[in-house]
Amino acid sequence: MTSRTVALDATLHHYLMDIGVTEHPVMRALREFTATHRLAKMQIAPEQGQFMGWLAQLIGARRYLEIGVFTGYSALAVALAMTDGQ
C-alpha cells in the first residue's frame, strides 16, 4: 500500500492522519487486509481515498465507474461518499 501521498515528515504525516482522515471501519479492514498482499503497493493511501470521496460529494456524483480495481479500496471510498440518488 502507498503509505503516504506526499513527502511529509513523520510528525506532520501523523497529524494529517489524526485530524484529516476519517476511515469507515470496512475501509480500514480492507486496507489492512490488502497490506498483507504481495502487490500491496498498488493500493492508494487513506488520505487519497478520502480525497476521492470528497470529490464525489463535491460534484454530487450519482454514478461511478472505476477501471482497473485492485481490491476495491478507492471504489469503496467513492461509493460510501456518493449521494443516495435523491
PDB file of N, CA and C in Angstrom:
ATOM      1  N   MET A   1       0.834  -1.172   0.000  1.00  0.00           N
ATOM      2  CA  MET A   1       0.000   0.000   0.000  1.00  0.00           C
ATOM      3  C   MET A   1       0.877   1.233   0.000  1.00  0.00           C
ATOM      4  N   THR A   2       0.423   2.247  -0.668  1.00  0.00           N
ATOM      5  CA  THR A   2       1.079   3.526  -0.598  1.00  0.00           C
ATOM      6  C   THR A   2       0.823   4.078   0.788  1.00  0.00           C
ATOM      7  N   SER A   3       1.882   4.331   1.530  1.00  0.00           N
ATOM      8  CA  SER A   3       1.674   4.786   2.906  1.00  0.00           C
ATOM      9  C   SER A   3       1.519   6.294   3.005  1.00  0.00           C
ATOM     10  N   ARG A   4       2.009   7.015   1.993  1.00  0.00           N
ATOM     11  CA  ARG A   4       1.919   8.469   2.021  1.00  0.00           C
ATOM     12  C   ARG A   4       1.703   9.005   0.624  1.00  0.00           C
ATOM     13  N   THR A   5       0.887  10.054   0.541  1.00  0.00           N
ATOM     14  CA  THR A   5       0.617  10.679  -0.739  1.00  0.00           C
ATOM     15  C   THR A   5       1.716  11.649  -1.106  1.00  0.00           C
ATOM     16  N   VAL A   6       2.155  12.423  -0.147  1.00  0.00           N
ATOM     17  CA  VAL A   6       3.203  13.415  -0.369  1.00  0.00           C
ATOM     18  C   VAL A   6       4.298  13.210   0.652  1.00  0.00           C
ATOM     19  N   ALA A   7       5.451  13.762   0.345  1.00  0.00           N
ATOM     20  CA  ALA A   7       6.595  13.617   1.253  1.00  0.00           C
ATOM     21  C   ALA A   7       6.457  14.588   2.425  1.00  0.00           C
ATOM     22  N   LEU A   8       6.056  14.070   3.568  1.00  0.00           N
ATOM     23  CA  LEU A   8       5.946  14.851   4.794  1.00  0.00           C
ATOM     24  C   LEU A   8       6.820  14.200   5.848  1.00  0.00           C
ATOM     25  N   ASP A   9       7.275  14.996   6.811  1.00  0.00           N
ATOM     26  CA  ASP A   9       7.999  14.356   7.897  1.00  0.00           C
ATOM     27  C   ASP A   9       6.995  13.564   8.743  1.00  0.00           C
ATOM     28  N   ALA A  10       7.477  12.698   9.580  1.00  0.00           N
ATOM     29  CA  ALA A  10       6.619  11.780  10.331  1.00  0.00           C
ATOM     30  C   ALA A  10       5.614  12.510  11.215  1.00  0.00           C
ATOM     31  N   THR A  11       6.042  13.589  11.865  1.00  0.00           N
ATOM     32  CA  THR A  11       5.151  14.331  12.752  1.00  0.00           C
ATOM     33  C   THR A  11       3.977  14.928  11.995  1.00  0.00           C
ATOM     34  N   LEU A  12       4.248  15.570  10.873  1.00  0.00           N
ATOM     35  CA  LEU A  12       3.195  16.182  10.081  1.00  0.00           C
ATOM     36  C   LEU A  12       2.270  15.124   9.472  1.00  0.00           C
ATOM     37  N   HIS A  13       2.835  14.003   9.054  1.00  0.00           N
ATOM     38  CA  HIS A  13       2.013  12.922   8.496  1.00  0.00           C
ATOM     39  C   HIS A  13       1.062  12.365   9.556  1.00  0.00           C
ATOM     40  N   HIS A  14       1.547  12.139  10.770  1.00  0.00           N
ATOM     41  CA  HIS A  14       0.683  11.649  11.847  1.00  0.00           C
ATOM     42  C   HIS A  14      -0.422  12.659  12.159  1.00  0.00           C
ATOM     43  N   TYR A  15      -0.084  13.942  12.145  1.00  0.00           N
ATOM     44  CA  TYR A  15      -1.084  14.980  12.377  1.00  0.00           C
ATOM     45  C   TYR A  15      -2.166  14.932  11.294  1.00  0.00           C
ATOM     46  N   LEU A  16      -1.754  14.829  10.047  1.00  0.00           N
ATOM     47  CA  LEU A  16      -2.701  14.741   8.936  1.00  0.00           C
ATOM     48  C   LEU A  16      -3.625  13.547   9.112  1.00  0.00           C
ATOM     49  N   MET A  17      -3.076  12.416   9.455  1.00  0.00           N
ATOM     50  CA  MET A  17      -3.885  11.213   9.616  1.00  0.00           C
ATOM     51  C   MET A  17      -4.830  11.334  10.814  1.00  0.00           C
ATOM     52  N   ASP A  18      -4.381  11.975  11.895  1.00  0.00           N
ATOM     53  CA  ASP A  18      -5.210  12.092  13.095  1.00  0.00           C
ATOM     54  C   ASP A  18      -6.378  13.045  12.910  1.00  0.00           C
ATOM     55  N   ILE A  19      -6.162  14.180  12.245  1.00  0.00           N
ATOM     56  CA  ILE A  19      -7.227  15.171  12.160  1.00  0.00           C
ATOM     57  C   ILE A  19      -7.890  15.241  10.786  1.00  0.00           C
ATOM     58  N   GLY A  20      -7.249  14.695   9.775  1.00  0.00           N
ATOM     59  CA  GLY A  20      -7.762  14.886   8.426  1.00  0.00           C
ATOM     60  C   GLY A  20      -8.376  13.676   7.758  1.00  0.00           C
ATOM     61  N   VAL A  21      -8.202  12.507   8.321  1.00  0.00           N
ATOM     62  CA  VAL A  21      -8.683  11.301   7.655  1.00  0.00           C
ATOM     63  C   VAL A  21      -9.648  10.556   8.574  1.00  0.00           C
ATOM     64  N   THR A  22     -10.868  10.381   8.078  1.00  0.00           N
ATOM     65  CA  THR A  22     -11.871   9.581   8.768  1.00  0.00           C
ATOM     66  C   THR A  22     -12.132   8.365   7.896  1.00  0.00           C
ATOM     67  N   GLU A  23     -11.854   7.200   8.427  1.00  0.00           N
ATOM     68  CA  GLU A  23     -11.932   5.982   7.633  1.00  0.00           C
ATOM     69  C   GLU A  23     -13.052   5.078   8.161  1.00  0.00           C
ATOM     70  N   HIS A  24     -13.946   4.695   7.280  1.00  0.00           N
ATOM     71  CA  HIS A  24     -15.029   3.762   7.618  1.00  0.00           C
ATOM     72  C   HIS A  24     -14.391   2.449   8.099  1.00  0.00           C
ATOM     73  N   PRO A  25     -14.996   1.772   9.085  1.00  0.00           N
ATOM     74  CA  PRO A  25     -14.418   0.521   9.589  1.00  0.00           C
ATOM     75  C   PRO A  25     -14.199  -0.537   8.497  1.00  0.00           C
ATOM     76  N   VAL A  26     -15.088  -0.608   7.529  1.00  0.00           N
ATOM     77  CA  VAL A  26     -14.915  -1.575   6.437  1.00  0.00           C
ATOM     78  C   VAL A  26     -13.703  -1.188   5.577  1.00  0.00           C
ATOM     79  N   MET A  27     -13.520   0.100   5.367  1.00  0.00           N
ATOM     80  CA  MET A  27     -12.358   0.560   4.588  1.00  0.00           C
ATOM     81  C   MET A  27     -11.057   0.233   5.318  1.00  0.00           C
ATOM     82  N   ARG A  28     -11.057   0.450   6.627  1.00  0.00           N
ATOM     83  CA  ARG A  28      -9.855   0.138   7.416  1.00  0.00           C
ATOM     84  C   ARG A  28      -9.539  -1.359   7.333  1.00  0.00           C
ATOM     85  N   ALA A  29     -10.561  -2.191   7.478  1.00  0.00           N
ATOM     86  CA  ALA A  29     -10.357  -3.640   7.403  1.00  0.00           C
ATOM     87  C   ALA A  29      -9.835  -4.043   6.026  1.00  0.00           C
ATOM     88  N   LEU A  30     -10.385  -3.460   4.974  1.00  0.00           N
ATOM     89  CA  LEU A  30      -9.924  -3.765   3.622  1.00  0.00           C
ATOM     90  C   LEU A  30      -8.480  -3.313   3.421  1.00  0.00           C
ATOM     91  N   ARG A  31      -8.149  -2.119   3.915  1.00  0.00           N
ATOM     92  CA  ARG A  31      -6.781  -1.602   3.774  1.00  0.00           C
ATOM     93  C   ARG A  31      -5.790  -2.496   4.518  1.00  0.00           C
ATOM     94  N   GLU A  32      -6.148  -2.914   5.719  1.00  0.00           N
ATOM     95  CA  GLU A  32      -5.256  -3.778   6.499  1.00  0.00           C
ATOM     96  C   GLU A  32      -5.110  -5.155   5.860  1.00  0.00           C
ATOM     97  N   PHE A  33      -6.204  -5.679   5.306  1.00  0.00           N
ATOM     98  CA  PHE A  33      -6.134  -6.956   4.605  1.00  0.00           C
ATOM     99  C   PHE A  33      -5.242  -6.833   3.362  1.00  0.00           C
ATOM    100  N   THR A  34      -5.440  -5.783   2.606  1.00  0.00           N
ATOM    101  CA  THR A  34      -4.670  -5.577   1.375  1.00  0.00           C
ATOM    102  C   THR A  34      -3.190  -5.380   1.673  1.00  0.00           C
ATOM    103  N   ALA A  35      -2.864  -4.819   2.814  1.00  0.00           N
ATOM    104  CA  ALA A  35      -1.464  -4.588   3.183  1.00  0.00           C
ATOM    105  C   ALA A  35      -0.678  -5.893   3.267  1.00  0.00           C
ATOM    106  N   THR A  36      -1.365  -7.021   3.428  1.00  0.00           N
ATOM    107  CA  THR A  36      -0.682  -8.312   3.502  1.00  0.00           C
ATOM    108  C   THR A  36      -0.438  -8.926   2.121  1.00  0.00           C
ATOM    109  N   HIS A  37      -1.003  -8.330   1.092  1.00  0.00           N
ATOM    110  CA  HIS A  37      -0.873  -8.850  -0.274  1.00  0.00           C
ATOM    111  C   HIS A  37       0.504  -8.510  -0.832  1.00  0.00           C
ATOM    112  N   ARG A  38       1.049  -9.376  -1.669  1.00  0.00           N
ATOM    113  CA  ARG A  38       2.381  -9.136  -2.224  1.00  0.00           C
ATOM    114  C   ARG A  38       2.432  -7.916  -3.149  1.00  0.00           C
ATOM    115  N   LEU A  39       1.305  -7.480  -3.675  1.00  0.00           N
ATOM    116  CA  LEU A  39       1.247  -6.292  -4.529  1.00  0.00           C
ATOM    117  C   LEU A  39       0.583  -5.116  -3.810  1.00  0.00           C
ATOM    118  N   ALA A  40       0.709  -5.070  -2.496  1.00  0.00           N
ATOM    119  CA  ALA A  40       0.030  -4.054  -1.691  1.00  0.00           C
ATOM    120  C   ALA A  40       0.398  -2.631  -2.087  1.00  0.00           C
ATOM    121  N   LYS A  41       1.538  -2.436  -2.707  1.00  0.00           N
ATOM    122  CA  LYS A  41       1.952  -1.082  -3.097  1.00  0.00           C
ATOM    123  C   LYS A  41       1.016  -0.467  -4.138  1.00  0.00           C
ATOM    124  N   MET A  42       0.142  -1.271  -4.731  1.00  0.00           N
ATOM    125  CA  MET A  42      -0.799  -0.761  -5.728  1.00  0.00           C
ATOM    126  C   MET A  42      -1.985  -0.031  -5.097  1.00  0.00           C
ATOM    127  N   GLN A  43      -2.204  -0.222  -3.810  1.00  0.00           N
ATOM    128  CA  GLN A  43      -3.343   0.401  -3.138  1.00  0.00           C
ATOM    129  C   GLN A  43      -3.052   1.863  -2.836  1.00  0.00           C
ATOM    130  N   ILE A  44      -4.096   2.687  -2.914  1.00  0.00           N
ATOM    131  CA  ILE A  44      -3.934   4.097  -2.588  1.00  0.00           C
ATOM    132  C   ILE A  44      -3.855   4.292  -1.086  1.00  0.00           C
ATOM    133  N   ALA A  45      -3.340   5.430  -0.670  1.00  0.00           N
ATOM    134  CA  ALA A  45      -3.243   5.771   0.748  1.00  0.00           C
ATOM    135  C   ALA A  45      -4.608   6.239   1.272  1.00  0.00           C
ATOM    136  N   PRO A  46      -4.835   6.148   2.581  1.00  0.00           N
ATOM    137  CA  PRO A  46      -6.124   6.551   3.150  1.00  0.00           C
ATOM    138  C   PRO A  46      -6.503   8.000   2.816  1.00  0.00           C
ATOM    139  N   GLU A  47      -5.535   8.900   2.836  1.00  0.00           N
ATOM    140  CA  GLU A  47      -5.866  10.292   2.531  1.00  0.00           C
ATOM    141  C   GLU A  47      -6.255  10.472   1.067  1.00  0.00           C
ATOM    142  N   GLN A  48      -5.738   9.637   0.190  1.00  0.00           N
ATOM    143  CA  GLN A  48      -6.152   9.678  -1.213  1.00  0.00           C
ATOM    144  C   GLN A  48      -7.599   9.201  -1.353  1.00  0.00           C
ATOM    145  N   GLY A  49      -7.950   8.154  -0.620  1.00  0.00           N
ATOM    146  CA  GLY A  49      -9.327   7.658  -0.644  1.00  0.00           C
ATOM    147  C   GLY A  49     -10.295   8.702  -0.126  1.00  0.00           C
ATOM    148  N   GLN A  50      -9.909   9.377   0.951  1.00  0.00           N
ATOM    149  CA  GLN A  50     -10.775  10.421   1.496  1.00  0.00           C
ATOM    150  C   GLN A  50     -10.924  11.561   0.496  1.00  0.00           C
ATOM    151  N   PHE A  51      -9.850  11.908  -0.187  1.00  0.00           N
ATOM    152  CA  PHE A  51      -9.913  12.973  -1.188  1.00  0.00           C
ATOM    153  C   PHE A  51     -10.838  12.576  -2.344  1.00  0.00           C
ATOM    154  N   MET A  52     -10.744  11.334  -2.794  1.00  0.00           N
ATOM    155  CA  MET A  52     -11.625  10.870  -3.870  1.00  0.00           C
ATOM    156  C   MET A  52     -13.093  10.922  -3.433  1.00  0.00           C
ATOM    157  N   GLY A  53     -13.366  10.534  -2.194  1.00  0.00           N
ATOM    158  CA  GLY A  53     -14.726  10.609  -1.670  1.00  0.00           C
ATOM    159  C   GLY A  53     -15.217  12.043  -1.587  1.00  0.00           C
ATOM    160  N   TRP A  54     -14.347  12.937  -1.163  1.00  0.00           N
ATOM    161  CA  TRP A  54     -14.702  14.348  -1.080  1.00  0.00           C
ATOM    162  C   TRP A  54     -15.042  14.903  -2.457  1.00  0.00           C
ATOM    163  N   LEU A  55     -14.254  14.526  -3.462  1.00  0.00           N
ATOM    164  CA  LEU A  55     -14.541  14.981  -4.825  1.00  0.00           C
ATOM    165  C   LEU A  55     -15.896  14.460  -5.307  1.00  0.00           C
ATOM    166  N   ALA A  56     -16.202  13.216  -4.996  1.00  0.00           N
ATOM    167  CA  ALA A  56     -17.502  12.639  -5.381  1.00  0.00           C
ATOM    168  C   ALA A  56     -18.649  13.408  -4.736  1.00  0.00           C
ATOM    169  N   GLN A  57     -18.488  13.766  -3.468  1.00  0.00           N
ATOM    170  CA  GLN A  57     -19.511  14.559  -2.784  1.00  0.00           C
ATOM    171  C   GLN A  57     -19.603  15.959  -3.385  1.00  0.00           C
ATOM    172  N   LEU A  58     -18.471  16.548  -3.671  1.00  0.00           N
ATOM    173  CA  LEU A  58     -18.421  17.906  -4.197  1.00  0.00           C
ATOM    174  C   LEU A  58     -19.187  18.041  -5.504  1.00  0.00           C
ATOM    175  N   ILE A  59     -19.049  17.068  -6.380  1.00  0.00           N
ATOM    176  CA  ILE A  59     -19.725  17.150  -7.682  1.00  0.00           C
ATOM    177  C   ILE A  59     -21.102  16.490  -7.662  1.00  0.00           C
ATOM    178  N   GLY A  60     -21.476  15.913  -6.528  1.00  0.00           N
ATOM    179  CA  GLY A  60     -22.788  15.269  -6.423  1.00  0.00           C
ATOM    180  C   GLY A  60     -22.878  14.014  -7.274  1.00  0.00           C
ATOM    181  N   ALA A  61     -21.807  13.249  -7.328  1.00  0.00           N
ATOM    182  CA  ALA A  61     -21.768  12.042  -8.160  1.00  0.00           C
ATOM    183  C   ALA A  61     -22.871  11.069  -7.777  1.00  0.00           C
ATOM    184  N   ARG A  62     -23.550  10.562  -8.792  1.00  0.00           N
ATOM    185  CA  ARG A  62     -24.577   9.538  -8.575  1.00  0.00           C
ATOM    186  C   ARG A  62     -24.186   8.230  -9.247  1.00  0.00           C
ATOM    187  N   ARG A  63     -23.220   8.286 -10.145  1.00  0.00           N
ATOM    188  CA  ARG A  63     -22.696   7.089 -10.808  1.00  0.00           C
ATOM    189  C   ARG A  63     -21.176   7.169 -10.812  1.00  0.00           C
ATOM    190  N   TYR A  64     -20.546   5.999 -10.812  1.00  0.00           N
ATOM    191  CA  TYR A  64     -19.087   5.952 -10.735  1.00  0.00           C
ATOM    192  C   TYR A  64     -18.605   4.675 -11.416  1.00  0.00           C
ATOM    193  N   LEU A  65     -17.648   4.801 -12.272  1.00  0.00           N
ATOM    194  CA  LEU A  65     -17.062   3.648 -12.949  1.00  0.00           C
ATOM    195  C   LEU A  65     -15.556   3.714 -12.754  1.00  0.00           C
ATOM    196  N   GLU A  66     -15.016   2.682 -12.171  1.00  0.00           N
ATOM    197  CA  GLU A  66     -13.575   2.627 -11.962  1.00  0.00           C
ATOM    198  C   GLU A  66     -13.029   1.450 -12.759  1.00  0.00           C
ATOM    199  N   ILE A  67     -12.063   1.727 -13.581  1.00  0.00           N
ATOM    200  CA  ILE A  67     -11.423   0.700 -14.396  1.00  0.00           C
ATOM    201  C   ILE A  67     -10.101   0.316 -13.728  1.00  0.00           C
ATOM    202  N   GLY A  68      -9.863  -0.945 -13.570  1.00  0.00           N
ATOM    203  CA  GLY A  68      -8.603  -1.410 -13.002  1.00  0.00           C
ATOM    204  C   GLY A  68      -8.614  -1.447 -11.487  1.00  0.00           C
ATOM    205  N   VAL A  69      -9.655  -1.983 -10.894  1.00  0.00           N
ATOM    206  CA  VAL A  69      -9.763  -2.072  -9.437  1.00  0.00           C
ATOM    207  C   VAL A  69      -8.815  -3.153  -8.919  1.00  0.00           C
ATOM    208  N   PHE A  70      -8.066  -2.831  -7.870  1.00  0.00           N
ATOM    209  CA  PHE A  70      -7.168  -3.806  -7.253  1.00  0.00           C
ATOM    210  C   PHE A  70      -7.955  -4.619  -6.226  1.00  0.00           C
ATOM    211  N   THR A  71      -8.160  -4.095  -5.031  1.00  0.00           N
ATOM    212  CA  THR A  71      -9.016  -4.781  -4.062  1.00  0.00           C
ATOM    213  C   THR A  71     -10.264  -3.970  -3.733  1.00  0.00           C
ATOM    214  N   GLY A  72     -10.403  -2.819  -4.343  1.00  0.00           N
ATOM    215  CA  GLY A  72     -11.632  -2.054  -4.215  1.00  0.00           C
ATOM    216  C   GLY A  72     -11.630  -0.927  -3.207  1.00  0.00           C
ATOM    217  N   TYR A  73     -10.490  -0.582  -2.639  1.00  0.00           N
ATOM    218  CA  TYR A  73     -10.447   0.459  -1.613  1.00  0.00           C
ATOM    219  C   TYR A  73     -10.915   1.802  -2.169  1.00  0.00           C
ATOM    220  N   SER A  74     -10.409   2.215  -3.309  1.00  0.00           N
ATOM    221  CA  SER A  74     -10.801   3.514  -3.867  1.00  0.00           C
ATOM    222  C   SER A  74     -12.259   3.498  -4.321  1.00  0.00           C
ATOM    223  N   ALA A  75     -12.702   2.394  -4.892  1.00  0.00           N
ATOM    224  CA  ALA A  75     -14.104   2.282  -5.297  1.00  0.00           C
ATOM    225  C   ALA A  75     -15.027   2.349  -4.078  1.00  0.00           C
ATOM    226  N   LEU A  76     -14.632   1.725  -2.994  1.00  0.00           N
ATOM    227  CA  LEU A  76     -15.409   1.767  -1.759  1.00  0.00           C
ATOM    228  C   LEU A  76     -15.442   3.177  -1.193  1.00  0.00           C
ATOM    229  N   ALA A  77     -14.318   3.873  -1.235  1.00  0.00           N
ATOM    230  CA  ALA A  77     -14.265   5.251  -0.732  1.00  0.00           C
ATOM    231  C   ALA A  77     -15.255   6.137  -1.465  1.00  0.00           C
ATOM    232  N   VAL A  78     -15.320   6.006  -2.773  1.00  0.00           N
ATOM    233  CA  VAL A  78     -16.236   6.823  -3.563  1.00  0.00           C
ATOM    234  C   VAL A  78     -17.680   6.366  -3.342  1.00  0.00           C
ATOM    235  N   ALA A  79     -17.917   5.082  -3.323  1.00  0.00           N
ATOM    236  CA  ALA A  79     -19.282   4.561  -3.129  1.00  0.00           C
ATOM    237  C   ALA A  79     -19.870   5.017  -1.797  1.00  0.00           C
ATOM    238  N   LEU A  80     -19.076   4.995  -0.751  1.00  0.00           N
ATOM    239  CA  LEU A  80     -19.566   5.426   0.562  1.00  0.00           C
ATOM    240  C   LEU A  80     -19.841   6.934   0.613  1.00  0.00           C
ATOM    241  N   ALA A  81     -19.170   7.684  -0.230  1.00  0.00           N
ATOM    242  CA  ALA A  81     -19.322   9.139  -0.230  1.00  0.00           C
ATOM    243  C   ALA A  81     -20.402   9.640  -1.162  1.00  0.00           C
ATOM    244  N   MET A  82     -20.845   8.809  -2.087  1.00  0.00           N
ATOM    245  CA  MET A  82     -21.809   9.256  -3.088  1.00  0.00           C
ATOM    246  C   MET A  82     -23.175   9.532  -2.480  1.00  0.00           C
ATOM    247  N   THR A  83     -23.917  10.414  -3.160  1.00  0.00           N
ATOM    248  CA  THR A  83     -25.267  10.726  -2.715  1.00  0.00           C
ATOM    249  C   THR A  83     -26.149   9.506  -2.916  1.00  0.00           C
ATOM    250  N   ASP A  84     -27.274   9.486  -2.249  1.00  0.00           N
ATOM    251  CA  ASP A  84     -28.162   8.341  -2.346  1.00  0.00           C
ATOM    252  C   ASP A  84     -29.088   8.395  -3.553  1.00  0.00           C
ATOM    253  N   GLY A  85     -28.912   9.372  -4.445  1.00  0.00           N
ATOM    254  CA  GLY A  85     -29.676   9.438  -5.681  1.00  0.00           C
ATOM    255  C   GLY A  85     -30.954  10.231  -5.581  1.00  0.00           C
ATOM    256  N   GLN A  86     -31.171  10.909  -4.498  1.00  0.00           N
ATOM    257  CA  GLN A  86     -32.402  11.704  -4.345  1.00  0.00           C
ATOM    258  C   GLN A  86     -32.210  13.103  -4.854  1.00  0.00           C
TER     259      GLN A  86
END
